[in-house]
Amino acid sequence: MTFPSGAAAPPDRLRSSRDIAAVLRGRRQRAGRLAVVYVHRTDEDRPARIAVVASRKVGSAVARNRAKRLLREAAARVAWAPGADVVLVARHACATAAMPGVREELVQLARDLGVLDDALDAA
């Protein structure tokens, strides 16, 4: 699979509603201006799995899709700790944010939650 110039490879995804619900039930979270990050740590030796969610509170379908696109791209550029299951919930401000700001916020929230793999974080 090839990616556009400058694009990062997408992280593994949380796909089942059961897995997403388990992360949300754990209630280990941090909220920022652009997103809320929910985390469930596992002892499994695998890459982090990510799910991105945007409710209608974010705005129109165009705004929700833009917010999810930004969060997915920013998440691909964050060095998540192995074994982490992460759910990113977009907030209204995310739809109009710039990529550097989204990535900075995700890095800070991941660091606060202890799921940032500092050894791999290149920025």
C-alpha atoms as a PDB file:
ATOM      1  CA  MET A   1       0.000   0.000   0.000  1.00  0.00           C
ATOM      2  CA  THR A   2       1.344   3.429  -0.883  1.00  0.00           C
ATOM      3  CA  PHE A   3       0.561   6.693   0.827  1.00  0.00           C
ATOM      4  CA  PRO A   4       0.609  10.250  -0.523  1.00  0.00           C
ATOM      5  CA  SER A   5       3.839  12.158  -0.092  1.00  0.00           C
ATOM      6  CA  GLY A   6       4.274  13.159   3.543  1.00  0.00           C
ATOM      7  CA  ALA A   7       1.426  10.979   4.796  1.00  0.00           C
ATOM      8  CA  ALA A   8       2.059   8.570   7.640  1.00  0.00           C
ATOM      9  CA  ALA A   9       0.948   4.948   7.546  1.00  0.00           C
ATOM     10  CA  PRO A  10      -2.424   4.543   9.253  1.00  0.00           C
ATOM     11  CA  PRO A  11      -2.379   2.922  12.695  1.00  0.00           C
ATOM     12  CA  ASP A  12      -4.252  -0.297  13.399  1.00  0.00           C
ATOM     13  CA  ARG A  13      -7.939   0.378  13.934  1.00  0.00           C
ATOM     14  CA  LEU A  14     -10.415  -0.562  16.625  1.00  0.00           C
ATOM     15  CA  ARG A  15     -13.307  -1.867  14.558  1.00  0.00           C
ATOM     16  CA  SER A  16     -15.849  -3.640  16.724  1.00  0.00           C
ATOM     17  CA  SER A  17     -18.373  -1.736  18.783  1.00  0.00           C
ATOM     18  CA  ARG A  18     -17.602  -4.133  21.658  1.00  0.00           C
ATOM     19  CA  ASP A  19     -13.931  -3.078  21.701  1.00  0.00           C
ATOM     20  CA  ILE A  20     -14.823   0.616  21.460  1.00  0.00           C
ATOM     21  CA  ALA A  21     -17.388   0.280  24.268  1.00  0.00           C
ATOM     22  CA  ALA A  22     -14.776  -1.426  26.472  1.00  0.00           C
ATOM     23  CA  VAL A  23     -12.415   1.530  26.030  1.00  0.00           C
ATOM     24  CA  LEU A  24     -15.172   4.057  26.756  1.00  0.00           C
ATOM     25  CA  ARG A  25     -16.305   2.073  29.822  1.00  0.00           C
ATOM     26  CA  GLY A  26     -12.796   2.179  31.256  1.00  0.00           C
ATOM     27  CA  ARG A  27     -13.222   5.947  31.590  1.00  0.00           C
ATOM     28  CA  ARG A  28      -9.489   6.640  31.536  1.00  0.00           C
ATOM     29  CA  GLN A  29      -9.611   9.888  29.596  1.00  0.00           C
ATOM     30  CA  ARG A  30      -8.226  13.349  29.040  1.00  0.00           C
ATOM     31  CA  ALA A  31     -10.071  16.160  27.313  1.00  0.00           C
ATOM     32  CA  GLY A  32      -8.542  18.902  25.239  1.00  0.00           C
ATOM     33  CA  ARG A  33      -9.978  21.756  23.231  1.00  0.00           C
ATOM     34  CA  LEU A  34     -10.051  19.702  20.020  1.00  0.00           C
ATOM     35  CA  ALA A  35     -10.637  16.124  21.170  1.00  0.00           C
ATOM     36  CA  VAL A  36     -11.262  13.763  24.051  1.00  0.00           C
ATOM     37  CA  VAL A  37      -8.899  10.775  24.269  1.00  0.00           C
ATOM     38  CA  TYR A  38     -10.067   7.549  25.949  1.00  0.00           C
ATOM     39  CA  VAL A  39      -7.470   4.847  26.613  1.00  0.00           C
ATOM     40  CA  HIS A  40      -7.427   1.218  27.688  1.00  0.00           C
ATOM     41  CA  ARG A  41      -3.971  -0.314  28.210  1.00  0.00           C
ATOM     42  CA  THR A  42      -3.468  -4.005  27.520  1.00  0.00           C
ATOM     43  CA  ASP A  43      -0.479  -6.275  28.047  1.00  0.00           C
ATOM     44  CA  GLU A  44      -0.703  -7.514  24.473  1.00  0.00           C
ATOM     45  CA  ASP A  45       2.395  -7.184  22.320  1.00  0.00           C
ATOM     46  CA  ARG A  46       0.846  -5.434  19.324  1.00  0.00           C
ATOM     47  CA  PRO A  47       0.658  -1.940  17.877  1.00  0.00           C
ATOM     48  CA  ALA A  48      -1.839   0.494  19.367  1.00  0.00           C
ATOM     49  CA  ARG A  49      -5.359   0.344  17.921  1.00  0.00           C
ATOM     50  CA  ILE A  50      -7.232   3.588  17.244  1.00  0.00           C
ATOM     51  CA  ALA A  51     -10.896   4.496  16.657  1.00  0.00           C
ATOM     52  CA  VAL A  52     -12.058   7.993  15.683  1.00  0.00           C
ATOM     53  CA  VAL A  53     -15.581   9.209  16.458  1.00  0.00           C
ATOM     54  CA  ALA A  54     -17.382  12.472  15.673  1.00  0.00           C
ATOM     55  CA  SER A  55     -20.958  13.073  16.808  1.00  0.00           C
ATOM     56  CA  ARG A  56     -23.420  15.463  15.212  1.00  0.00           C
ATOM     57  CA  LYS A  57     -22.444  18.018  17.853  1.00  0.00           C
ATOM     58  CA  VAL A  58     -19.301  18.601  15.774  1.00  0.00           C
ATOM     59  CA  GLY A  59     -21.366  19.976  12.897  1.00  0.00           C
ATOM     60  CA  SER A  60     -22.475  19.028   9.409  1.00  0.00           C
ATOM     61  CA  ALA A  61     -21.343  15.836   7.690  1.00  0.00           C
ATOM     62  CA  VAL A  62     -18.574  17.806   5.990  1.00  0.00           C
ATOM     63  CA  ALA A  63     -17.324  19.160   9.335  1.00  0.00           C
ATOM     64  CA  ARG A  64     -17.503  15.719  10.985  1.00  0.00           C
ATOM     65  CA  ASN A  65     -15.582  14.089   8.158  1.00  0.00           C
ATOM     66  CA  ARG A  66     -12.914  16.815   8.213  1.00  0.00           C
ATOM     67  CA  ALA A  67     -12.520  16.454  11.982  1.00  0.00           C
ATOM     68  CA  LYS A  68     -12.176  12.670  11.677  1.00  0.00           C
ATOM     69  CA  ARG A  69      -9.672  13.025   8.823  1.00  0.00           C
ATOM     70  CA  LEU A  70      -7.562  15.433  10.877  1.00  0.00           C
ATOM     71  CA  LEU A  71      -7.650  13.172  13.943  1.00  0.00           C
ATOM     72  CA  ARG A  72      -6.772  10.054  11.912  1.00  0.00           C
ATOM     73  CA  GLU A  73      -3.816  11.773  10.257  1.00  0.00           C
ATOM     74  CA  ALA A  74      -2.600  13.268  13.548  1.00  0.00           C
ATOM     75  CA  ALA A  75      -2.976   9.885  15.296  1.00  0.00           C
ATOM     76  CA  ALA A  76      -0.837   8.266  12.602  1.00  0.00           C
ATOM     77  CA  ARG A  77       1.938  10.733  13.469  1.00  0.00           C
ATOM     78  CA  VAL A  78       1.856  10.035  17.222  1.00  0.00           C
ATOM     79  CA  ALA A  79       4.050   7.288  18.711  1.00  0.00           C
ATOM     80  CA  TRP A  80       1.422   5.389  20.729  1.00  0.00           C
ATOM     81  CA  ALA A  81       2.618   2.859  23.293  1.00  0.00           C
ATOM     82  CA  PRO A  82       2.266  -0.783  22.197  1.00  0.00           C
ATOM     83  CA  GLY A  83      -0.884  -2.541  23.378  1.00  0.00           C
ATOM     84  CA  ALA A  84      -2.931   0.639  23.837  1.00  0.00           C
ATOM     85  CA  ASP A  85      -6.544   0.831  22.649  1.00  0.00           C
ATOM     86  CA  VAL A  86      -7.422   4.469  21.964  1.00  0.00           C
ATOM     87  CA  VAL A  87     -10.726   6.157  21.086  1.00  0.00           C
ATOM     88  CA  LEU A  88     -10.506   9.743  19.836  1.00  0.00           C
ATOM     89  CA  VAL A  89     -13.719  11.764  20.094  1.00  0.00           C
ATOM     90  CA  ALA A  90     -13.725  14.938  18.003  1.00  0.00           C
ATOM     91  CA  ARG A  91     -14.934  18.191  19.507  1.00  0.00           C
ATOM     92  CA  HIS A  92     -16.548  21.065  17.618  1.00  0.00           C
ATOM     93  CA  ALA A  93     -13.315  23.096  17.368  1.00  0.00           C
ATOM     94  CA  CYS A  94     -11.513  20.201  15.670  1.00  0.00           C
ATOM     95  CA  ALA A  95     -13.382  20.754  12.402  1.00  0.00           C
ATOM     96  CA  THR A  96     -11.704  24.137  11.897  1.00  0.00           C
ATOM     97  CA  ALA A  97      -8.311  23.390  13.450  1.00  0.00           C
ATOM     98  CA  ALA A  98      -4.966  23.118  11.665  1.00  0.00           C
ATOM     99  CA  MET A  99      -3.024  19.843  11.568  1.00  0.00           C
ATOM    100  CA  PRO A 100      -0.042  20.988  13.696  1.00  0.00           C
ATOM    101  CA  GLY A 101      -2.375  22.033  16.510  1.00  0.00           C
ATOM    102  CA  VAL A 102      -4.280  18.754  16.401  1.00  0.00           C
ATOM    103  CA  ARG A 103      -1.066  16.715  16.541  1.00  0.00           C
ATOM    104  CA  GLU A 104       0.367  18.806  19.396  1.00  0.00           C
ATOM    105  CA  GLU A 105      -2.800  18.324  21.423  1.00  0.00           C
ATOM    106  CA  LEU A 106      -2.866  14.560  20.809  1.00  0.00           C
ATOM    107  CA  VAL A 107       0.786  14.256  21.855  1.00  0.00           C
ATOM    108  CA  GLN A 108       0.108  16.199  25.062  1.00  0.00           C
ATOM    109  CA  LEU A 109      -3.020  14.189  25.912  1.00  0.00           C
ATOM    110  CA  ALA A 110      -1.210  10.902  25.169  1.00  0.00           C
ATOM    111  CA  ARG A 111       1.673  11.984  27.403  1.00  0.00           C
ATOM    112  CA  ASP A 112      -0.773  12.892  30.207  1.00  0.00           C
ATOM    113  CA  LEU A 113      -2.400   9.448  29.897  1.00  0.00           C
ATOM    114  CA  GLY A 114       0.930   7.634  29.802  1.00  0.00           C
ATOM    115  CA  VAL A 115       0.397   6.083  26.361  1.00  0.00           C
ATOM    116  CA  LEU A 116       3.031   8.040  24.464  1.00  0.00           C
ATOM    117  CA  ASP A 117       6.022   5.935  23.476  1.00  0.00           C
ATOM    118  CA  ASP A 118       8.677   8.611  24.085  1.00  0.00           C
ATOM    119  CA  ALA A 119      11.385   6.406  22.588  1.00  0.00           C
ATOM    120  CA  LEU A 120       9.628   6.590  19.213  1.00  0.00           C
ATOM    121  CA  ASP A 121       8.209  10.117  19.356  1.00  0.00           C
ATOM    122  CA  ALA A 122      10.215  12.065  16.783  1.00  0.00           C
ATOM    123  CA  ALA A 123       8.815  15.515  17.374  1.00  0.00           C
END
